[in-house]
Amino acid sequence: MLRAAYAVYLLAVAWLVWNPDPGAPGAAVLEVTTLLQDWGLPASTTWVERGLNVVMFVPLSLLGAWVLGWWRVID
């Protein structure tokens, strides 16, 4: 189950990063910024972009280490 979730996650990240439409990543940042502002939260595109990068790459590394068994090396 974890491997299937990781595969779906990888496909989503790959689509967002390598999408041939150059506006896709920027549109995602603007969409999240607008959503946060609609909720009444102060949001700037710079901080939202940084946060989305963390959300995109930290789970990628942690799940990858778990799925590939690298977490055993850390023990």
C-alpha atoms as a PDB file:
ATOM      1  CA  MET A   1       0.000   0.000   0.000  1.00  0.00           C
ATOM      2  CA  LEU A   2       2.817   2.392   0.895  1.00  0.00           C
ATOM      3  CA  ARG A   3       4.582   1.646  -2.377  1.00  0.00           C
ATOM      4  CA  ALA A   4       1.422   2.386  -4.347  1.00  0.00           C
ATOM      5  CA  ALA A   5       0.952   5.687  -2.502  1.00  0.00           C
ATOM      6  CA  TYR A   6       4.588   6.551  -3.169  1.00  0.00           C
ATOM      7  CA  ALA A   7       4.179   5.787  -6.873  1.00  0.00           C
ATOM      8  CA  VAL A   8       1.124   8.048  -7.097  1.00  0.00           C
ATOM      9  CA  TYR A   9       2.994  10.762  -5.202  1.00  0.00           C
ATOM     10  CA  LEU A  10       5.965  10.463  -7.587  1.00  0.00           C
ATOM     11  CA  LEU A  11       3.687  10.747 -10.598  1.00  0.00           C
ATOM     12  CA  ALA A  12       2.031  13.873  -9.183  1.00  0.00           C
ATOM     13  CA  VAL A  13       5.385  15.510  -8.429  1.00  0.00           C
ATOM     14  CA  ALA A  14       6.764  14.531 -11.839  1.00  0.00           C
ATOM     15  CA  TRP A  15       3.719  15.985 -13.583  1.00  0.00           C
ATOM     16  CA  LEU A  16       4.013  19.247 -11.688  1.00  0.00           C
ATOM     17  CA  VAL A  17       7.770  19.575 -12.180  1.00  0.00           C
ATOM     18  CA  TRP A  18       8.025  18.411 -15.799  1.00  0.00           C
ATOM     19  CA  ASN A  19       4.710  19.654 -17.135  1.00  0.00           C
ATOM     20  CA  PRO A  20       5.365  21.166 -20.572  1.00  0.00           C
ATOM     21  CA  ASP A  21       3.076  24.104 -19.717  1.00  0.00           C
ATOM     22  CA  PRO A  22       5.391  26.675 -18.094  1.00  0.00           C
ATOM     23  CA  GLY A  23       2.481  28.227 -16.215  1.00  0.00           C
ATOM     24  CA  ALA A  24       1.503  25.089 -14.264  1.00  0.00           C
ATOM     25  CA  PRO A  25       3.798  25.517 -11.235  1.00  0.00           C
ATOM     26  CA  GLY A  26       3.080  29.248 -11.056  1.00  0.00           C
ATOM     27  CA  ALA A  27      -0.638  28.611 -11.341  1.00  0.00           C
ATOM     28  CA  ALA A  28      -0.475  26.168  -8.430  1.00  0.00           C
ATOM     29  CA  VAL A  29       1.285  28.771  -6.275  1.00  0.00           C
ATOM     30  CA  LEU A  30      -1.253  31.438  -7.169  1.00  0.00           C
ATOM     31  CA  GLU A  31      -4.148  29.063  -6.533  1.00  0.00           C
ATOM     32  CA  VAL A  32      -2.897  28.160  -3.048  1.00  0.00           C
ATOM     33  CA  THR A  33      -2.121  31.824  -2.278  1.00  0.00           C
ATOM     34  CA  THR A  34      -5.642  32.836  -3.284  1.00  0.00           C
ATOM     35  CA  LEU A  35      -7.152  30.010  -1.253  1.00  0.00           C
ATOM     36  CA  LEU A  36      -5.201  31.016   1.864  1.00  0.00           C
ATOM     37  CA  GLN A  37      -6.170  34.667   1.407  1.00  0.00           C
ATOM     38  CA  ASP A  38      -9.829  33.684   0.998  1.00  0.00           C
ATOM     39  CA  TRP A  39      -9.575  31.931   4.352  1.00  0.00           C
ATOM     40  CA  GLY A  40      -8.357  35.183   5.859  1.00  0.00           C
ATOM     41  CA  LEU A  41      -4.739  34.089   6.265  1.00  0.00           C
ATOM     42  CA  PRO A  42      -1.927  36.433   5.274  1.00  0.00           C
ATOM     43  CA  ALA A  43      -0.130  34.805   2.376  1.00  0.00           C
ATOM     44  CA  SER A  44       2.501  36.046  -0.040  1.00  0.00           C
ATOM     45  CA  THR A  45       3.468  34.116  -3.137  1.00  0.00           C
ATOM     46  CA  THR A  46       7.096  33.914  -1.965  1.00  0.00           C
ATOM     47  CA  TRP A  47       6.235  32.139   1.289  1.00  0.00           C
ATOM     48  CA  VAL A  48       3.602  29.961  -0.344  1.00  0.00           C
ATOM     49  CA  GLU A  49       6.107  28.856  -2.982  1.00  0.00           C
ATOM     50  CA  ARG A  50       8.686  27.995  -0.325  1.00  0.00           C
ATOM     51  CA  GLY A  51       6.097  26.096   1.685  1.00  0.00           C
ATOM     52  CA  LEU A  52       4.920  24.158  -1.346  1.00  0.00           C
ATOM     53  CA  ASN A  53       8.521  23.199  -2.141  1.00  0.00           C
ATOM     54  CA  VAL A  54       8.884  21.794   1.369  1.00  0.00           C
ATOM     55  CA  VAL A  55       5.556  19.967   1.078  1.00  0.00           C
ATOM     56  CA  MET A  56       6.636  18.563  -2.280  1.00  0.00           C
ATOM     57  CA  PHE A  57      10.175  17.405  -1.512  1.00  0.00           C
ATOM     58  CA  VAL A  58      10.322  16.463   2.180  1.00  0.00           C
ATOM     59  CA  PRO A  59       7.689  13.701   1.875  1.00  0.00           C
ATOM     60  CA  LEU A  60       9.380  12.626  -1.349  1.00  0.00           C
ATOM     61  CA  SER A  61      12.603  11.990   0.548  1.00  0.00           C
ATOM     62  CA  LEU A  62      11.053  10.500   3.669  1.00  0.00           C
ATOM     63  CA  LEU A  63       8.667   8.179   1.841  1.00  0.00           C
ATOM     64  CA  GLY A  64      11.426   7.206  -0.575  1.00  0.00           C
ATOM     65  CA  ALA A  65      13.734   6.286   2.272  1.00  0.00           C
ATOM     66  CA  TRP A  66      10.984   4.266   3.915  1.00  0.00           C
ATOM     67  CA  VAL A  67       9.891   2.462   0.746  1.00  0.00           C
ATOM     68  CA  LEU A  68      13.451   1.689  -0.380  1.00  0.00           C
ATOM     69  CA  GLY A  69      14.495   0.512   3.069  1.00  0.00           C
ATOM     70  CA  TRP A  70      17.081   3.222   3.676  1.00  0.00           C
ATOM     71  CA  TRP A  71      15.532   3.953   7.043  1.00  0.00           C
ATOM     72  CA  ARG A  72      17.346   0.860   8.312  1.00  0.00           C
ATOM     73  CA  VAL A  73      20.679   2.588   7.690  1.00  0.00           C
ATOM     74  CA  ILE A  74      19.637   5.448   9.972  1.00  0.00           C
ATOM     75  CA  ASP A  75      18.880   3.078  12.877  1.00  0.00           C
END
